[in-house]
C-alpha cells in the first residue's frame, strides 16, 4: 500500500441528489481515510463534497478544503473540515489543489466539476501535471463524457495514446485501486498533442 498520498476530489456541491451518488462519495472518503490518504476538495458544505469529507472524517482521516474567499464570505464552506485553505479566486483554488495533490478523482457534478476535470485532463495532456486522473462513473453519470473523449480520439482531435489520460471506473473501490496501480507504476508522461 502506498503511504501518505494527497488526493484531489472534484465533485458536486448540489443538493437533493440521488442517494447512490451520496453513498459512493461517502464510501470513497472512507476508503481514502483507511489508507491514510488525505482528501483535498473544494471545501463545499453540501452535496458530494460534503459526503466525501464526511466519509473521510468519520473514518478518522483528514479532509482539507481549498476555497475562494468569496465562497467563505457567502458561507459555502464546510466548517467540519480538518483545515480550510482560502484563495483569492477560482483559478488559484485549482492551482493550489494541483500543487498539493498527487492524483485526481472526479465524482459526478455540474459545470464546475466538469470544468475542473477537463482542466486536469488538459494539464496532464500538456505534461503540466502528469498525475493519475480517475473518474468515478456512479450510475453511469459520465458515460457520455467517456464516449465524447473516445470520439475525439477516433476523429483525430486527440492522439491515440490519450486514452491513458483518464480512467473511468464504476465503484469507489475501483477508483482507489486505479490510483494505487498508477502511482506504484509512477505516472508516465503522456505523448504531447503537438
N, C-alpha and C. Protein backbone atom coordinates (compact mmCIF):
# COMPACT_ATOMS: atom_id res chain seq x y z
N UNK A 1 0.84 -1.19 0.00
CA UNK A 1 0.00 0.00 0.00
C UNK A 1 0.88 1.25 0.00
N UNK A 2 0.50 2.25 -0.77
CA UNK A 2 1.25 3.49 -0.87
C UNK A 2 0.92 4.36 0.34
N UNK A 3 1.96 4.91 0.95
CA UNK A 3 1.78 5.74 2.14
C UNK A 3 1.49 7.19 1.79
N UNK A 4 0.77 7.86 2.63
CA UNK A 4 0.54 9.30 2.66
C UNK A 4 0.45 9.96 1.29
N UNK A 5 -0.68 9.78 0.66
CA UNK A 5 -0.94 10.41 -0.63
C UNK A 5 -2.04 11.44 -0.44
N UNK A 6 -1.88 12.58 -1.08
CA UNK A 6 -2.92 13.62 -1.09
C UNK A 6 -3.72 13.46 -2.37
N UNK A 7 -5.03 13.26 -2.22
CA UNK A 7 -5.90 13.04 -3.37
C UNK A 7 -6.83 14.23 -3.53
N UNK A 8 -6.87 14.79 -4.71
CA UNK A 8 -7.81 15.85 -5.04
C UNK A 8 -9.11 15.20 -5.51
N UNK A 9 -10.21 15.54 -4.85
CA UNK A 9 -11.51 15.00 -5.23
C UNK A 9 -12.40 16.15 -5.71
N UNK A 10 -12.77 16.12 -6.98
CA UNK A 10 -13.73 17.07 -7.51
C UNK A 10 -15.12 16.46 -7.40
N UNK A 11 -16.13 17.28 -7.16
CA UNK A 11 -17.49 16.74 -7.09
C UNK A 11 -18.51 17.83 -6.84
N UNK A 12 -19.75 17.47 -7.02
CA UNK A 12 -20.87 18.40 -6.93
C UNK A 12 -21.05 18.96 -5.52
N UNK A 13 -21.52 20.19 -5.49
CA UNK A 13 -21.98 20.78 -4.23
C UNK A 13 -23.50 20.91 -4.26
N UNK A 14 -24.13 20.18 -5.16
CA UNK A 14 -25.58 20.26 -5.36
C UNK A 14 -26.34 19.53 -4.26
N UNK A 15 -27.55 20.02 -3.99
CA UNK A 15 -28.44 19.38 -3.02
C UNK A 15 -29.36 18.38 -3.74
N UNK A 16 -30.07 17.60 -2.95
CA UNK A 16 -31.14 16.74 -3.44
C UNK A 16 -30.68 15.77 -4.53
N UNK A 17 -29.55 15.15 -4.32
CA UNK A 17 -29.02 14.18 -5.28
C UNK A 17 -29.53 12.78 -4.95
N UNK A 18 -29.56 11.93 -5.95
CA UNK A 18 -29.93 10.54 -5.74
C UNK A 18 -28.96 9.91 -4.73
N UNK A 19 -29.49 9.07 -3.85
CA UNK A 19 -28.71 8.53 -2.75
C UNK A 19 -27.47 7.76 -3.21
N UNK A 20 -27.54 7.12 -4.37
CA UNK A 20 -26.38 6.38 -4.87
C UNK A 20 -25.15 7.25 -5.06
N UNK A 21 -25.35 8.50 -5.46
CA UNK A 21 -24.22 9.43 -5.61
C UNK A 21 -23.62 9.75 -4.24
N UNK A 22 -24.47 10.03 -3.28
CA UNK A 22 -24.01 10.34 -1.92
C UNK A 22 -23.26 9.15 -1.32
N UNK A 23 -23.82 7.96 -1.49
CA UNK A 23 -23.21 6.75 -0.92
C UNK A 23 -21.81 6.51 -1.49
N UNK A 24 -21.66 6.66 -2.81
CA UNK A 24 -20.33 6.44 -3.42
C UNK A 24 -19.33 7.48 -2.94
N UNK A 25 -19.76 8.74 -2.82
CA UNK A 25 -18.85 9.78 -2.35
C UNK A 25 -18.41 9.50 -0.91
N UNK A 26 -19.36 9.13 -0.06
CA UNK A 26 -19.04 8.82 1.33
C UNK A 26 -18.09 7.62 1.41
N UNK A 27 -18.38 6.58 0.64
CA UNK A 27 -17.53 5.39 0.64
C UNK A 27 -16.12 5.71 0.15
N UNK A 28 -16.02 6.57 -0.86
CA UNK A 28 -14.70 6.97 -1.34
C UNK A 28 -13.92 7.64 -0.21
N UNK A 29 -14.56 8.55 0.51
CA UNK A 29 -13.89 9.21 1.63
C UNK A 29 -13.44 8.22 2.68
N UNK A 30 -14.28 7.24 2.97
CA UNK A 30 -13.93 6.20 3.94
C UNK A 30 -12.69 5.43 3.49
N UNK A 31 -12.66 5.06 2.23
CA UNK A 31 -11.52 4.30 1.70
C UNK A 31 -10.23 5.14 1.70
N UNK A 32 -10.35 6.43 1.41
CA UNK A 32 -9.17 7.30 1.47
C UNK A 32 -8.60 7.31 2.88
N UNK A 33 -9.47 7.49 3.87
CA UNK A 33 -9.02 7.53 5.26
C UNK A 33 -8.40 6.21 5.69
N UNK A 34 -9.00 5.11 5.27
CA UNK A 34 -8.48 3.79 5.66
C UNK A 34 -7.07 3.55 5.13
N UNK A 35 -6.71 4.20 4.05
CA UNK A 35 -5.36 4.06 3.50
C UNK A 35 -4.40 5.10 4.06
N UNK A 36 -4.90 6.00 4.87
CA UNK A 36 -4.06 7.07 5.40
C UNK A 36 -3.85 8.19 4.41
N UNK A 37 -4.66 8.23 3.37
CA UNK A 37 -4.56 9.27 2.36
C UNK A 37 -5.40 10.48 2.77
N UNK A 38 -4.96 11.66 2.40
CA UNK A 38 -5.68 12.89 2.73
C UNK A 38 -6.57 13.29 1.57
N UNK A 39 -7.81 13.63 1.90
CA UNK A 39 -8.78 14.08 0.91
C UNK A 39 -8.72 15.60 0.80
N UNK A 40 -8.37 16.09 -0.36
CA UNK A 40 -8.43 17.52 -0.66
C UNK A 40 -9.64 17.74 -1.57
N UNK A 41 -10.44 18.75 -1.26
CA UNK A 41 -11.55 19.07 -2.14
C UNK A 41 -11.86 20.56 -2.07
N UNK A 42 -12.97 20.95 -2.66
CA UNK A 42 -13.32 22.37 -2.76
C UNK A 42 -13.95 22.97 -1.53
N UNK A 43 -14.02 22.23 -0.42
CA UNK A 43 -14.48 22.73 0.88
C UNK A 43 -15.97 23.00 0.96
N UNK A 44 -16.74 22.50 0.00
CA UNK A 44 -18.18 22.75 -0.01
C UNK A 44 -18.90 22.08 1.15
N UNK A 45 -19.98 22.73 1.60
CA UNK A 45 -20.72 22.23 2.75
C UNK A 45 -21.95 21.41 2.36
N UNK A 46 -22.11 21.14 1.07
CA UNK A 46 -23.26 20.36 0.63
C UNK A 46 -22.85 19.36 -0.45
N UNK A 47 -23.78 18.49 -0.78
CA UNK A 47 -23.60 17.59 -1.91
C UNK A 47 -22.49 16.57 -1.73
N UNK A 48 -21.85 16.25 -2.85
CA UNK A 48 -20.83 15.20 -2.85
C UNK A 48 -19.55 15.66 -2.17
N UNK A 49 -19.27 16.97 -2.22
CA UNK A 49 -18.09 17.45 -1.49
C UNK A 49 -18.24 17.19 0.00
N UNK A 50 -19.41 17.49 0.53
CA UNK A 50 -19.64 17.22 1.95
C UNK A 50 -19.60 15.72 2.23
N UNK A 51 -20.21 14.93 1.37
CA UNK A 51 -20.27 13.48 1.60
C UNK A 51 -18.87 12.86 1.62
N UNK A 52 -18.00 13.24 0.70
CA UNK A 52 -16.65 12.67 0.68
C UNK A 52 -15.87 13.13 1.91
N UNK A 53 -16.08 14.38 2.32
CA UNK A 53 -15.43 14.87 3.54
C UNK A 53 -15.92 14.11 4.75
N UNK A 54 -17.25 13.92 4.85
CA UNK A 54 -17.80 13.18 5.99
C UNK A 54 -17.28 11.75 6.04
N UNK A 55 -17.22 11.10 4.89
CA UNK A 55 -16.70 9.74 4.84
C UNK A 55 -15.26 9.68 5.34
N UNK A 56 -14.46 10.65 4.91
CA UNK A 56 -13.06 10.71 5.32
C UNK A 56 -12.94 10.96 6.82
N UNK A 57 -13.64 11.97 7.29
CA UNK A 57 -13.54 12.37 8.71
C UNK A 57 -14.13 11.32 9.64
N UNK A 58 -15.26 10.73 9.26
CA UNK A 58 -15.88 9.70 10.11
C UNK A 58 -14.99 8.48 10.26
N UNK A 59 -14.12 8.24 9.27
CA UNK A 59 -13.19 7.10 9.32
C UNK A 59 -11.84 7.49 9.93
N UNK A 60 -11.76 8.70 10.48
CA UNK A 60 -10.54 9.13 11.17
C UNK A 60 -9.49 9.76 10.29
N UNK A 61 -9.85 10.11 9.06
CA UNK A 61 -8.89 10.71 8.14
C UNK A 61 -8.92 12.23 8.16
N UNK A 62 -8.11 12.80 7.29
CA UNK A 62 -8.03 14.25 7.15
C UNK A 62 -8.71 14.70 5.86
N UNK A 63 -9.54 15.73 5.96
CA UNK A 63 -10.20 16.34 4.80
C UNK A 63 -9.85 17.82 4.80
N UNK A 64 -9.16 18.24 3.76
CA UNK A 64 -8.70 19.62 3.65
C UNK A 64 -9.42 20.28 2.48
N UNK A 65 -10.01 21.43 2.74
CA UNK A 65 -10.75 22.15 1.71
C UNK A 65 -9.99 23.36 1.21
N UNK A 66 -10.09 23.59 -0.09
CA UNK A 66 -9.48 24.77 -0.71
C UNK A 66 -10.61 25.55 -1.37
N UNK A 67 -10.78 26.80 -0.96
CA UNK A 67 -11.97 27.54 -1.36
C UNK A 67 -11.66 29.03 -1.52
N UNK A 68 -12.23 29.65 -2.55
CA UNK A 68 -12.02 31.10 -2.71
C UNK A 68 -12.68 31.89 -1.57
N UNK A 69 -12.10 33.02 -1.24
CA UNK A 69 -12.59 33.84 -0.14
C UNK A 69 -14.06 34.23 -0.33
N UNK A 70 -14.47 34.53 -1.56
CA UNK A 70 -15.85 34.96 -1.75
C UNK A 70 -16.84 33.86 -1.38
N UNK A 71 -16.45 32.60 -1.54
CA UNK A 71 -17.32 31.50 -1.14
C UNK A 71 -17.40 31.38 0.38
N UNK A 72 -16.29 31.63 1.05
CA UNK A 72 -16.29 31.65 2.52
C UNK A 72 -17.19 32.78 3.00
N UNK A 73 -17.07 33.94 2.36
CA UNK A 73 -17.89 35.10 2.74
C UNK A 73 -19.38 34.81 2.59
N UNK A 74 -19.73 33.94 1.65
CA UNK A 74 -21.12 33.56 1.44
C UNK A 74 -21.56 32.38 2.30
N UNK A 75 -20.64 31.84 3.10
CA UNK A 75 -20.98 30.74 3.99
C UNK A 75 -21.09 29.39 3.30
N UNK A 76 -20.38 29.22 2.18
CA UNK A 76 -20.49 27.99 1.41
C UNK A 76 -19.46 26.94 1.82
N UNK A 77 -18.63 27.23 2.80
CA UNK A 77 -17.58 26.29 3.23
C UNK A 77 -18.11 25.36 4.32
N UNK A 78 -17.44 24.24 4.46
CA UNK A 78 -17.82 23.22 5.44
C UNK A 78 -16.91 23.36 6.65
N UNK A 79 -17.47 23.79 7.77
CA UNK A 79 -16.64 24.09 8.93
C UNK A 79 -16.17 22.86 9.70
N UNK A 80 -16.58 21.67 9.29
CA UNK A 80 -16.11 20.44 9.94
C UNK A 80 -14.74 19.99 9.43
N UNK A 81 -14.28 20.55 8.34
CA UNK A 81 -13.04 20.09 7.71
C UNK A 81 -11.84 20.18 8.66
N UNK A 82 -10.85 19.34 8.41
CA UNK A 82 -9.62 19.36 9.19
C UNK A 82 -8.93 20.72 9.06
N UNK A 83 -8.96 21.24 7.86
CA UNK A 83 -8.30 22.52 7.57
C UNK A 83 -8.95 23.14 6.34
N UNK A 84 -9.03 24.47 6.34
CA UNK A 84 -9.53 25.19 5.17
C UNK A 84 -8.44 26.15 4.70
N UNK A 85 -8.15 26.09 3.41
CA UNK A 85 -7.19 27.00 2.78
C UNK A 85 -8.00 27.93 1.89
N UNK A 86 -7.91 29.23 2.14
CA UNK A 86 -8.64 30.18 1.31
C UNK A 86 -7.72 30.73 0.22
N UNK A 87 -8.34 30.97 -0.94
CA UNK A 87 -7.60 31.51 -2.08
C UNK A 87 -8.27 32.79 -2.56
N UNK A 88 -7.57 33.51 -3.40
CA UNK A 88 -8.10 34.78 -3.90
C UNK A 88 -9.25 34.56 -4.88
N UNK A 89 -9.17 33.48 -5.68
CA UNK A 89 -10.18 33.26 -6.71
C UNK A 89 -10.21 31.79 -7.11
N UNK A 90 -11.06 31.49 -8.09
CA UNK A 90 -11.24 30.10 -8.55
C UNK A 90 -9.96 29.55 -9.19
N UNK A 91 -9.26 30.39 -9.94
CA UNK A 91 -8.04 29.92 -10.62
C UNK A 91 -6.98 29.51 -9.60
N UNK A 92 -6.82 30.33 -8.55
CA UNK A 92 -5.83 30.00 -7.52
C UNK A 92 -6.25 28.73 -6.77
N UNK A 93 -7.55 28.54 -6.61
CA UNK A 93 -8.04 27.33 -5.96
C UNK A 93 -7.58 26.08 -6.73
N UNK A 94 -7.80 26.07 -8.04
CA UNK A 94 -7.41 24.91 -8.86
C UNK A 94 -5.90 24.71 -8.85
N UNK A 95 -5.16 25.78 -8.94
CA UNK A 95 -3.69 25.69 -8.93
C UNK A 95 -3.20 25.13 -7.59
N UNK A 96 -3.80 25.59 -6.51
CA UNK A 96 -3.42 25.10 -5.18
C UNK A 96 -3.71 23.61 -5.05
N UNK A 97 -4.90 23.19 -5.48
CA UNK A 97 -5.24 21.77 -5.44
C UNK A 97 -4.27 20.95 -6.28
N UNK A 98 -3.90 21.46 -7.44
CA UNK A 98 -2.97 20.75 -8.32
C UNK A 98 -1.60 20.61 -7.69
N UNK A 99 -1.13 21.66 -7.02
CA UNK A 99 0.21 21.65 -6.42
C UNK A 99 0.28 20.75 -5.19
N UNK A 100 -0.82 20.61 -4.47
CA UNK A 100 -0.79 19.93 -3.17
C UNK A 100 -1.17 18.45 -3.24
N UNK A 101 -1.53 17.95 -4.44
CA UNK A 101 -2.03 16.57 -4.53
C UNK A 101 -1.26 15.77 -5.57
N UNK A 102 -1.33 14.44 -5.43
CA UNK A 102 -0.63 13.54 -6.34
C UNK A 102 -1.55 12.82 -7.32
N UNK A 103 -2.86 12.98 -7.15
CA UNK A 103 -3.81 12.30 -8.04
C UNK A 103 -5.16 13.00 -7.94
N UNK A 104 -6.00 12.75 -8.95
CA UNK A 104 -7.33 13.36 -9.02
C UNK A 104 -8.38 12.26 -9.15
N UNK A 105 -9.45 12.39 -8.38
CA UNK A 105 -10.65 11.57 -8.57
C UNK A 105 -11.81 12.52 -8.77
N UNK A 106 -12.55 12.32 -9.85
CA UNK A 106 -13.72 13.15 -10.12
C UNK A 106 -14.99 12.36 -9.83
N UNK A 107 -15.83 12.92 -8.99
CA UNK A 107 -17.16 12.42 -8.74
C UNK A 107 -18.11 13.12 -9.70
N UNK A 108 -19.35 12.67 -9.82
CA UNK A 108 -20.30 13.39 -10.66
C UNK A 108 -20.49 14.84 -10.20
N UNK A 109 -20.85 15.69 -11.15
CA UNK A 109 -21.08 17.09 -10.83
C UNK A 109 -21.54 17.87 -12.04
N UNK A 110 -21.76 19.14 -11.82
CA UNK A 110 -22.23 20.02 -12.88
C UNK A 110 -21.09 20.74 -13.58
N UNK A 111 -21.36 21.98 -13.99
CA UNK A 111 -20.39 22.73 -14.79
C UNK A 111 -19.06 22.91 -14.08
N UNK A 112 -19.09 23.23 -12.79
CA UNK A 112 -17.85 23.44 -12.05
C UNK A 112 -16.99 22.20 -12.01
N UNK A 113 -17.60 21.08 -11.70
CA UNK A 113 -16.87 19.81 -11.65
C UNK A 113 -16.34 19.43 -13.02
N UNK A 114 -17.17 19.59 -14.04
CA UNK A 114 -16.73 19.27 -15.42
C UNK A 114 -15.54 20.13 -15.81
N UNK A 115 -15.62 21.42 -15.48
CA UNK A 115 -14.54 22.34 -15.83
C UNK A 115 -13.25 21.94 -15.12
N UNK A 116 -13.35 21.60 -13.84
CA UNK A 116 -12.17 21.19 -13.08
C UNK A 116 -11.56 19.91 -13.65
N UNK A 117 -12.42 18.95 -13.95
CA UNK A 117 -11.96 17.68 -14.51
C UNK A 117 -11.29 17.88 -15.86
N UNK A 118 -11.92 18.62 -16.75
CA UNK A 118 -11.36 18.81 -18.09
C UNK A 118 -10.07 19.62 -18.05
N UNK A 119 -9.96 20.56 -17.11
CA UNK A 119 -8.69 21.28 -16.98
C UNK A 119 -7.59 20.34 -16.50
N UNK A 120 -7.91 19.46 -15.55
CA UNK A 120 -6.91 18.49 -15.07
C UNK A 120 -6.47 17.58 -16.21
N UNK A 121 -7.41 17.14 -17.04
CA UNK A 121 -7.07 16.30 -18.18
C UNK A 121 -6.18 17.07 -19.16
N UNK A 122 -6.51 18.32 -19.40
CA UNK A 122 -5.72 19.15 -20.31
C UNK A 122 -4.30 19.35 -19.77
N UNK A 123 -4.19 19.63 -18.47
CA UNK A 123 -2.86 19.81 -17.87
C UNK A 123 -2.04 18.53 -17.99
N UNK A 124 -2.69 17.39 -17.83
CA UNK A 124 -1.96 16.13 -17.98
C UNK A 124 -1.55 15.92 -19.45
N UNK A 125 -2.44 16.24 -20.36
CA UNK A 125 -2.16 16.11 -21.79
C UNK A 125 -0.95 16.96 -22.19
N UNK A 126 -0.80 18.10 -21.55
CA UNK A 126 0.32 19.01 -21.85
C UNK A 126 1.53 18.75 -20.96
N UNK A 127 1.48 17.70 -20.14
CA UNK A 127 2.54 17.34 -19.19
C UNK A 127 2.84 18.45 -18.18
N UNK A 128 1.83 19.25 -17.87
CA UNK A 128 1.98 20.27 -16.83
C UNK A 128 1.72 19.68 -15.45
N UNK A 129 0.89 18.65 -15.40
CA UNK A 129 0.56 17.98 -14.14
C UNK A 129 0.34 16.50 -14.44
N UNK A 130 1.44 15.75 -14.62
CA UNK A 130 1.33 14.34 -15.03
C UNK A 130 0.95 13.42 -13.87
N UNK A 131 -0.29 13.53 -13.43
CA UNK A 131 -0.74 12.72 -12.30
C UNK A 131 -1.95 11.89 -12.70
N UNK A 132 -2.19 10.78 -12.02
CA UNK A 132 -3.35 9.94 -12.34
C UNK A 132 -4.65 10.71 -12.21
N UNK A 133 -5.56 10.46 -13.14
CA UNK A 133 -6.91 11.03 -13.09
C UNK A 133 -7.90 9.89 -13.25
N UNK A 134 -8.77 9.75 -12.28
CA UNK A 134 -9.78 8.70 -12.29
C UNK A 134 -11.16 9.33 -12.16
N UNK A 135 -12.09 8.89 -12.98
CA UNK A 135 -13.47 9.36 -12.94
C UNK A 135 -14.34 8.27 -12.35
N UNK A 136 -15.02 8.57 -11.26
CA UNK A 136 -15.94 7.62 -10.64
C UNK A 136 -17.30 7.79 -11.33
N UNK A 137 -17.62 6.83 -12.17
CA UNK A 137 -18.78 6.90 -13.05
C UNK A 137 -20.03 6.32 -12.38
N UNK A 138 -20.38 6.87 -11.23
CA UNK A 138 -21.53 6.40 -10.46
C UNK A 138 -22.81 6.46 -11.31
N UNK A 139 -23.53 5.36 -11.32
CA UNK A 139 -24.81 5.26 -12.03
C UNK A 139 -24.70 5.66 -13.50
N UNK A 140 -23.52 5.47 -14.09
CA UNK A 140 -23.32 5.78 -15.50
C UNK A 140 -23.30 7.27 -15.82
N UNK A 141 -23.11 8.11 -14.80
CA UNK A 141 -23.19 9.57 -14.98
C UNK A 141 -22.27 10.08 -16.09
N UNK A 142 -21.06 9.51 -16.18
CA UNK A 142 -20.06 10.01 -17.13
C UNK A 142 -20.00 9.20 -18.43
N UNK A 143 -20.99 8.38 -18.70
CA UNK A 143 -20.95 7.58 -19.93
C UNK A 143 -20.78 8.45 -21.18
N UNK A 144 -21.49 9.55 -21.24
CA UNK A 144 -21.44 10.41 -22.43
C UNK A 144 -20.08 11.10 -22.56
N UNK A 145 -19.48 11.49 -21.42
CA UNK A 145 -18.15 12.10 -21.48
C UNK A 145 -17.12 11.08 -21.97
N UNK A 146 -17.20 9.86 -21.47
CA UNK A 146 -16.28 8.81 -21.93
C UNK A 146 -16.42 8.60 -23.43
N UNK A 147 -17.67 8.57 -23.91
CA UNK A 147 -17.91 8.40 -25.34
C UNK A 147 -17.38 9.60 -26.14
N UNK A 148 -17.54 10.81 -25.60
CA UNK A 148 -17.07 12.01 -26.29
C UNK A 148 -15.55 12.00 -26.42
N UNK A 149 -14.85 11.60 -25.37
CA UNK A 149 -13.38 11.54 -25.44
C UNK A 149 -12.94 10.48 -26.45
N UNK A 150 -13.64 9.36 -26.48
CA UNK A 150 -13.33 8.32 -27.48
C UNK A 150 -13.55 8.87 -28.89
N UNK A 151 -14.63 9.59 -29.09
CA UNK A 151 -14.91 10.20 -30.39
C UNK A 151 -13.81 11.18 -30.78
N UNK A 152 -13.36 11.99 -29.82
CA UNK A 152 -12.30 12.96 -30.09
C UNK A 152 -11.02 12.26 -30.53
N UNK A 153 -10.72 11.12 -29.93
CA UNK A 153 -9.54 10.34 -30.33
C UNK A 153 -9.75 9.74 -31.71
N UNK A 154 -10.90 9.12 -31.92
CA UNK A 154 -11.17 8.47 -33.20
C UNK A 154 -11.18 9.44 -34.37
N UNK A 155 -11.58 10.68 -34.14
CA UNK A 155 -11.67 11.65 -35.21
C UNK A 155 -10.45 12.58 -35.29
N UNK A 156 -9.40 12.25 -34.54
CA UNK A 156 -8.14 12.94 -34.68
C UNK A 156 -7.96 14.21 -33.87
N UNK A 157 -8.90 14.52 -32.97
CA UNK A 157 -8.75 15.71 -32.14
C UNK A 157 -7.81 15.46 -30.97
N UNK A 158 -7.57 14.22 -30.67
CA UNK A 158 -6.62 13.81 -29.64
C UNK A 158 -5.83 12.64 -30.19
N UNK A 159 -4.63 12.42 -29.65
CA UNK A 159 -3.80 11.30 -30.10
C UNK A 159 -4.36 9.98 -29.57
N UNK A 160 -4.05 8.89 -30.26
CA UNK A 160 -4.50 7.56 -29.84
C UNK A 160 -4.05 7.24 -28.41
N UNK A 161 -2.84 7.66 -28.05
CA UNK A 161 -2.31 7.37 -26.72
C UNK A 161 -3.03 8.15 -25.62
N UNK A 162 -3.85 9.11 -25.99
CA UNK A 162 -4.51 9.94 -24.99
C UNK A 162 -5.65 9.22 -24.26
N UNK A 163 -5.93 7.98 -24.66
CA UNK A 163 -6.87 7.19 -23.88
C UNK A 163 -6.33 6.95 -22.48
N UNK A 164 -5.00 7.13 -22.31
CA UNK A 164 -4.36 6.96 -21.00
C UNK A 164 -4.52 8.17 -20.09
N UNK A 165 -5.06 9.26 -20.59
CA UNK A 165 -5.18 10.48 -19.79
C UNK A 165 -6.07 10.29 -18.57
N UNK A 166 -7.12 9.51 -18.72
CA UNK A 166 -8.11 9.38 -17.66
C UNK A 166 -8.69 7.97 -17.67
N UNK A 167 -8.98 7.46 -16.48
CA UNK A 167 -9.61 6.14 -16.34
C UNK A 167 -11.02 6.31 -15.79
N UNK A 168 -11.98 5.62 -16.38
CA UNK A 168 -13.35 5.63 -15.90
C UNK A 168 -13.60 4.33 -15.15
N UNK A 169 -14.11 4.43 -13.92
CA UNK A 169 -14.39 3.26 -13.09
C UNK A 169 -15.80 3.37 -12.53
N UNK A 170 -16.30 2.26 -12.00
CA UNK A 170 -17.70 2.20 -11.58
C UNK A 170 -17.94 2.11 -10.08
N UNK A 171 -16.87 2.07 -9.28
CA UNK A 171 -17.05 1.97 -7.84
C UNK A 171 -15.92 2.69 -7.12
N UNK A 172 -16.15 3.10 -5.87
CA UNK A 172 -15.07 3.72 -5.09
C UNK A 172 -13.86 2.79 -4.94
N UNK A 173 -14.13 1.50 -4.77
CA UNK A 173 -13.03 0.54 -4.63
C UNK A 173 -12.17 0.50 -5.89
N UNK A 174 -12.81 0.53 -7.06
CA UNK A 174 -12.06 0.55 -8.32
C UNK A 174 -11.28 1.85 -8.48
N UNK A 175 -11.83 2.95 -7.99
CA UNK A 175 -11.13 4.24 -8.06
C UNK A 175 -9.82 4.20 -7.27
N UNK A 176 -9.91 3.67 -6.05
CA UNK A 176 -8.72 3.57 -5.21
C UNK A 176 -7.70 2.64 -5.84
N UNK A 177 -8.16 1.50 -6.34
CA UNK A 177 -7.25 0.52 -6.97
C UNK A 177 -6.56 1.13 -8.19
N UNK A 178 -7.29 1.90 -8.99
CA UNK A 178 -6.71 2.51 -10.18
C UNK A 178 -5.64 3.53 -9.81
N UNK A 179 -5.91 4.33 -8.79
CA UNK A 179 -4.92 5.33 -8.33
C UNK A 179 -3.69 4.60 -7.79
N UNK A 180 -3.89 3.60 -6.95
CA UNK A 180 -2.76 2.86 -6.37
C UNK A 180 -1.89 2.25 -7.46
N UNK A 181 -2.52 1.62 -8.43
CA UNK A 181 -1.77 0.97 -9.51
C UNK A 181 -0.93 1.98 -10.28
N UNK A 182 -1.53 3.09 -10.64
CA UNK A 182 -0.79 4.07 -11.45
C UNK A 182 0.32 4.74 -10.63
N UNK A 183 0.07 5.02 -9.36
CA UNK A 183 1.12 5.62 -8.53
C UNK A 183 2.28 4.65 -8.32
N UNK A 184 1.98 3.38 -8.17
CA UNK A 184 3.04 2.38 -8.00
C UNK A 184 3.89 2.27 -9.25
N UNK A 185 3.27 2.47 -10.40
CA UNK A 185 4.00 2.39 -11.66
C UNK A 185 4.66 3.72 -12.02
N UNK A 186 4.45 4.74 -11.21
CA UNK A 186 4.92 6.11 -11.46
C UNK A 186 4.29 6.62 -12.75
N UNK A 187 3.39 7.61 -12.64
CA UNK A 187 2.71 8.12 -13.83
C UNK A 187 3.70 8.52 -14.92
N UNK A 188 3.49 7.98 -16.10
CA UNK A 188 4.37 8.26 -17.24
C UNK A 188 3.86 9.48 -17.99
N UNK A 189 4.77 10.31 -18.51
CA UNK A 189 4.33 11.44 -19.31
C UNK A 189 3.49 10.96 -20.49
N UNK A 190 2.49 11.72 -20.82
CA UNK A 190 1.62 11.42 -21.95
C UNK A 190 2.22 12.04 -23.21
N UNK A 191 2.09 11.36 -24.31
CA UNK A 191 2.56 11.88 -25.59
C UNK A 191 1.96 13.26 -25.85
N UNK A 192 2.80 14.20 -26.20
CA UNK A 192 2.33 15.56 -26.45
C UNK A 192 1.36 15.59 -27.63
N UNK A 193 0.41 16.48 -27.55
CA UNK A 193 -0.54 16.63 -28.67
C UNK A 193 0.11 17.33 -29.85
N UNK A 194 1.31 17.91 -29.64
CA UNK A 194 1.96 18.67 -30.72
C UNK A 194 3.08 17.87 -31.38
